Amino acid sequence: MAAEIDYDSPTPPYRQIAAEIIRDIEAGVLRVDRPIPSESALIQRWGVARDTARRAVRYLREEGYAYTVPQRGTYVRDRSDQTQEVE
């Protein structure tokens, strides 16, 4: 993750963080069934509040990029089996 938060952007900080993680997933830096950075790691890396880090992780789950195992962590979801729209 190389970018910094752009507080002047219309994109909320949690979405900017999620976008960086999604780029890492799509580039193969973060692999399926391997953990994404923890909330604590996101807080330290980006200098954001815990709620912002939590929202970024929640967004990744809602968009199908990650899943959480209670007491274990959040992991990259395998998206290869998701059906894509056919025109």
N, C-alpha and C. Protein backbone atom coordinates (compact mmCIF):
# COMPACT_ATOMS: atom_id res chain seq x y z
N MET A 1 0.84 -1.17 0.00
CA MET A 1 0.00 0.00 0.00
C MET A 1 0.88 1.23 0.00
N ALA A 2 0.79 2.01 -1.04
CA ALA A 2 1.71 3.12 -1.18
C ALA A 2 1.05 4.49 -1.07
N ALA A 3 -0.24 4.58 -1.31
CA ALA A 3 -0.91 5.88 -1.36
C ALA A 3 -1.19 6.40 0.04
N GLU A 4 -1.45 7.68 0.10
CA GLU A 4 -1.83 8.34 1.35
C GLU A 4 -3.30 8.77 1.25
N ILE A 5 -3.91 9.02 2.38
CA ILE A 5 -5.29 9.50 2.41
C ILE A 5 -5.33 10.91 1.83
N ASP A 6 -6.25 11.13 0.90
CA ASP A 6 -6.47 12.46 0.32
C ASP A 6 -7.75 13.01 0.96
N TYR A 7 -7.58 13.85 1.96
CA TYR A 7 -8.73 14.37 2.68
C TYR A 7 -9.51 15.40 1.87
N ASP A 8 -8.96 15.84 0.75
CA ASP A 8 -9.68 16.77 -0.13
C ASP A 8 -10.52 16.02 -1.16
N SER A 9 -10.36 14.71 -1.24
CA SER A 9 -11.08 13.90 -2.21
C SER A 9 -12.54 13.72 -1.78
N PRO A 10 -13.44 13.62 -2.75
CA PRO A 10 -14.83 13.33 -2.41
C PRO A 10 -15.00 11.87 -1.95
N THR A 11 -14.01 11.02 -2.20
CA THR A 11 -14.05 9.63 -1.75
C THR A 11 -13.68 9.57 -0.28
N PRO A 12 -14.54 9.00 0.56
CA PRO A 12 -14.26 8.94 1.99
C PRO A 12 -12.97 8.15 2.28
N PRO A 13 -12.29 8.47 3.38
CA PRO A 13 -11.05 7.78 3.71
C PRO A 13 -11.18 6.26 3.77
N TYR A 14 -12.27 5.74 4.33
CA TYR A 14 -12.41 4.29 4.41
C TYR A 14 -12.46 3.65 3.03
N ARG A 15 -13.06 4.34 2.06
CA ARG A 15 -13.11 3.82 0.69
C ARG A 15 -11.75 3.89 0.02
N GLN A 16 -10.96 4.91 0.34
CA GLN A 16 -9.61 5.01 -0.20
C GLN A 16 -8.74 3.86 0.31
N ILE A 17 -8.88 3.54 1.60
CA ILE A 17 -8.13 2.42 2.18
C ILE A 17 -8.58 1.12 1.53
N ALA A 18 -9.88 0.93 1.42
CA ALA A 18 -10.42 -0.29 0.80
C ALA A 18 -9.94 -0.41 -0.64
N ALA A 19 -9.89 0.69 -1.36
CA ALA A 19 -9.44 0.66 -2.76
C ALA A 19 -8.00 0.18 -2.86
N GLU A 20 -7.15 0.60 -1.94
CA GLU A 20 -5.76 0.13 -1.93
C GLU A 20 -5.69 -1.37 -1.66
N ILE A 21 -6.50 -1.84 -0.73
CA ILE A 21 -6.51 -3.27 -0.42
C ILE A 21 -7.03 -4.05 -1.62
N ILE A 22 -8.07 -3.55 -2.26
CA ILE A 22 -8.62 -4.21 -3.46
C ILE A 22 -7.55 -4.28 -4.55
N ARG A 23 -6.80 -3.20 -4.74
CA ARG A 23 -5.71 -3.23 -5.73
C ARG A 23 -4.70 -4.31 -5.39
N ASP A 24 -4.36 -4.44 -4.10
CA ASP A 24 -3.42 -5.48 -3.69
C ASP A 24 -3.98 -6.88 -3.92
N ILE A 25 -5.28 -7.05 -3.70
CA ILE A 25 -5.92 -8.34 -3.96
C ILE A 25 -5.87 -8.65 -5.44
N GLU A 26 -6.27 -7.69 -6.26
CA GLU A 26 -6.32 -7.92 -7.71
C GLU A 26 -4.92 -8.11 -8.31
N ALA A 27 -3.90 -7.54 -7.68
CA ALA A 27 -2.52 -7.68 -8.17
C ALA A 27 -1.88 -8.96 -7.64
N GLY A 28 -2.58 -9.68 -6.75
CA GLY A 28 -2.03 -10.92 -6.22
C GLY A 28 -1.10 -10.73 -5.03
N VAL A 29 -0.99 -9.50 -4.55
CA VAL A 29 -0.16 -9.24 -3.37
C VAL A 29 -0.82 -9.88 -2.15
N LEU A 30 -2.13 -9.73 -2.06
CA LEU A 30 -2.92 -10.40 -1.01
C LEU A 30 -3.64 -11.56 -1.69
N ARG A 31 -3.45 -12.76 -1.18
CA ARG A 31 -3.97 -13.96 -1.84
C ARG A 31 -5.21 -14.52 -1.15
N VAL A 32 -5.96 -15.28 -1.90
CA VAL A 32 -7.19 -15.91 -1.41
C VAL A 32 -6.90 -16.73 -0.15
N ASP A 33 -7.79 -16.57 0.82
CA ASP A 33 -7.74 -17.26 2.11
C ASP A 33 -6.54 -16.87 2.97
N ARG A 34 -5.89 -15.79 2.61
CA ARG A 34 -4.81 -15.24 3.43
C ARG A 34 -5.35 -13.97 4.09
N PRO A 35 -4.84 -13.60 5.26
CA PRO A 35 -5.40 -12.44 5.97
C PRO A 35 -5.11 -11.11 5.29
N ILE A 36 -6.08 -10.22 5.42
CA ILE A 36 -5.84 -8.83 5.03
C ILE A 36 -5.24 -8.15 6.26
N PRO A 37 -4.69 -6.95 6.11
CA PRO A 37 -4.14 -6.26 7.29
C PRO A 37 -5.23 -6.07 8.35
N SER A 38 -4.83 -6.22 9.59
CA SER A 38 -5.76 -6.06 10.71
C SER A 38 -6.17 -4.58 10.85
N GLU A 39 -7.23 -4.35 11.62
CA GLU A 39 -7.64 -2.97 11.88
C GLU A 39 -6.49 -2.20 12.50
N SER A 40 -5.79 -2.82 13.44
CA SER A 40 -4.66 -2.15 14.09
C SER A 40 -3.58 -1.78 13.08
N ALA A 41 -3.31 -2.69 12.14
CA ALA A 41 -2.30 -2.41 11.11
C ALA A 41 -2.76 -1.26 10.21
N LEU A 42 -4.05 -1.24 9.87
CA LEU A 42 -4.58 -0.16 9.04
C LEU A 42 -4.48 1.18 9.78
N ILE A 43 -4.78 1.18 11.07
CA ILE A 43 -4.69 2.40 11.87
C ILE A 43 -3.26 2.91 11.88
N GLN A 44 -2.32 2.01 12.09
CA GLN A 44 -0.92 2.41 12.13
C GLN A 44 -0.44 2.88 10.76
N ARG A 45 -0.78 2.15 9.71
CA ARG A 45 -0.31 2.48 8.36
C ARG A 45 -0.88 3.79 7.85
N TRP A 46 -2.19 3.99 8.07
CA TRP A 46 -2.87 5.14 7.48
C TRP A 46 -3.05 6.30 8.45
N GLY A 47 -2.86 6.08 9.75
CA GLY A 47 -3.05 7.14 10.73
C GLY A 47 -4.49 7.57 10.87
N VAL A 48 -5.40 6.60 10.80
CA VAL A 48 -6.83 6.90 10.88
C VAL A 48 -7.41 6.37 12.19
N ALA A 49 -8.63 6.77 12.48
CA ALA A 49 -9.34 6.29 13.66
C ALA A 49 -9.77 4.84 13.46
N ARG A 50 -9.99 4.15 14.58
CA ARG A 50 -10.41 2.75 14.52
C ARG A 50 -11.70 2.59 13.72
N ASP A 51 -12.63 3.53 13.87
CA ASP A 51 -13.89 3.44 13.13
C ASP A 51 -13.65 3.49 11.62
N THR A 52 -12.71 4.29 11.18
CA THR A 52 -12.40 4.37 9.74
C THR A 52 -11.83 3.04 9.26
N ALA A 53 -10.92 2.45 10.02
CA ALA A 53 -10.35 1.15 9.66
C ALA A 53 -11.43 0.08 9.64
N ARG A 54 -12.30 0.12 10.64
CA ARG A 54 -13.40 -0.85 10.73
C ARG A 54 -14.34 -0.72 9.54
N ARG A 55 -14.64 0.50 9.13
CA ARG A 55 -15.52 0.73 7.97
C ARG A 55 -14.88 0.21 6.69
N ALA A 56 -13.57 0.37 6.56
CA ALA A 56 -12.87 -0.13 5.37
C ALA A 56 -13.00 -1.65 5.29
N VAL A 57 -12.80 -2.33 6.41
CA VAL A 57 -12.91 -3.79 6.44
C VAL A 57 -14.34 -4.22 6.17
N ARG A 58 -15.30 -3.53 6.76
CA ARG A 58 -16.72 -3.84 6.52
C ARG A 58 -17.07 -3.66 5.05
N TYR A 59 -16.57 -2.60 4.43
CA TYR A 59 -16.81 -2.37 3.01
C TYR A 59 -16.25 -3.52 2.17
N LEU A 60 -15.05 -3.99 2.49
CA LEU A 60 -14.46 -5.12 1.76
C LEU A 60 -15.33 -6.36 1.87
N ARG A 61 -15.89 -6.60 3.05
CA ARG A 61 -16.80 -7.76 3.22
C ARG A 61 -18.07 -7.55 2.41
N GLU A 62 -18.66 -6.37 2.49
CA GLU A 62 -19.91 -6.10 1.78
C GLU A 62 -19.74 -6.22 0.28
N GLU A 63 -18.58 -5.86 -0.23
CA GLU A 63 -18.32 -5.92 -1.67
C GLU A 63 -17.81 -7.30 -2.12
N GLY A 64 -17.69 -8.22 -1.18
CA GLY A 64 -17.31 -9.58 -1.53
C GLY A 64 -15.82 -9.82 -1.69
N TYR A 65 -14.99 -8.93 -1.20
CA TYR A 65 -13.54 -9.10 -1.29
C TYR A 65 -12.95 -9.81 -0.08
N ALA A 66 -13.70 -9.88 1.01
CA ALA A 66 -13.16 -10.45 2.23
C ALA A 66 -14.26 -11.13 3.03
N TYR A 67 -13.82 -11.99 3.94
CA TYR A 67 -14.73 -12.63 4.89
C TYR A 67 -14.03 -12.67 6.25
N THR A 68 -14.82 -12.66 7.31
CA THR A 68 -14.26 -12.65 8.66
C THR A 68 -14.59 -13.94 9.37
N VAL A 69 -13.58 -14.48 10.04
CA VAL A 69 -13.74 -15.64 10.90
C VAL A 69 -13.62 -15.12 12.33
N PRO A 70 -14.70 -15.24 13.13
CA PRO A 70 -14.65 -14.71 14.49
C PRO A 70 -13.44 -15.26 15.27
N GLN A 71 -12.82 -14.38 16.00
CA GLN A 71 -11.65 -14.68 16.83
C GLN A 71 -10.41 -15.04 16.02
N ARG A 72 -10.47 -14.95 14.69
CA ARG A 72 -9.33 -15.33 13.85
C ARG A 72 -8.83 -14.18 12.99
N GLY A 73 -9.75 -13.46 12.35
CA GLY A 73 -9.33 -12.37 11.48
C GLY A 73 -10.17 -12.28 10.22
N THR A 74 -9.74 -11.43 9.32
CA THR A 74 -10.45 -11.22 8.06
C THR A 74 -9.52 -11.64 6.93
N TYR A 75 -10.09 -12.37 5.98
CA TYR A 75 -9.31 -13.01 4.93
C TYR A 75 -9.84 -12.63 3.54
N VAL A 76 -8.97 -12.79 2.55
CA VAL A 76 -9.34 -12.52 1.16
C VAL A 76 -10.28 -13.61 0.68
N ARG A 77 -11.40 -13.20 0.12
CA ARG A 77 -12.40 -14.13 -0.41
C ARG A 77 -12.05 -14.51 -1.85
N ASP A 78 -12.32 -15.75 -2.20
CA ASP A 78 -12.15 -16.23 -3.57
C ASP A 78 -13.33 -15.71 -4.38
N ARG A 79 -13.06 -14.82 -5.31
CA ARG A 79 -14.12 -14.23 -6.14
C ARG A 79 -14.21 -14.89 -7.51
N SER A 80 -13.38 -15.89 -7.77
CA SER A 80 -13.35 -16.50 -9.09
C SER A 80 -14.63 -17.26 -9.42
N ASP A 81 -15.38 -17.68 -8.42
CA ASP A 81 -16.59 -18.45 -8.68
C ASP A 81 -17.84 -17.58 -8.75
N GLN A 82 -17.68 -16.27 -8.58
CA GLN A 82 -18.84 -15.38 -8.64
C GLN A 82 -19.24 -15.23 -10.11
N THR A 83 -20.53 -15.33 -10.36
CA THR A 83 -21.02 -15.19 -11.72
C THR A 83 -20.93 -13.75 -12.18
N GLN A 84 -20.59 -13.57 -13.42
CA GLN A 84 -20.50 -12.23 -13.97
C GLN A 84 -21.67 -12.05 -14.93
N GLU A 85 -22.13 -10.80 -15.05
CA GLU A 85 -23.23 -10.51 -15.96
C GLU A 85 -22.81 -10.76 -17.39
N VAL A 86 -23.70 -11.39 -18.13
CA VAL A 86 -23.45 -11.63 -19.54
C VAL A 86 -24.34 -10.69 -20.32
N GLU A 87 -23.76 -9.99 -21.27
CA GLU A 87 -24.56 -9.03 -22.05
C GLU A 87 -25.29 -9.74 -23.16
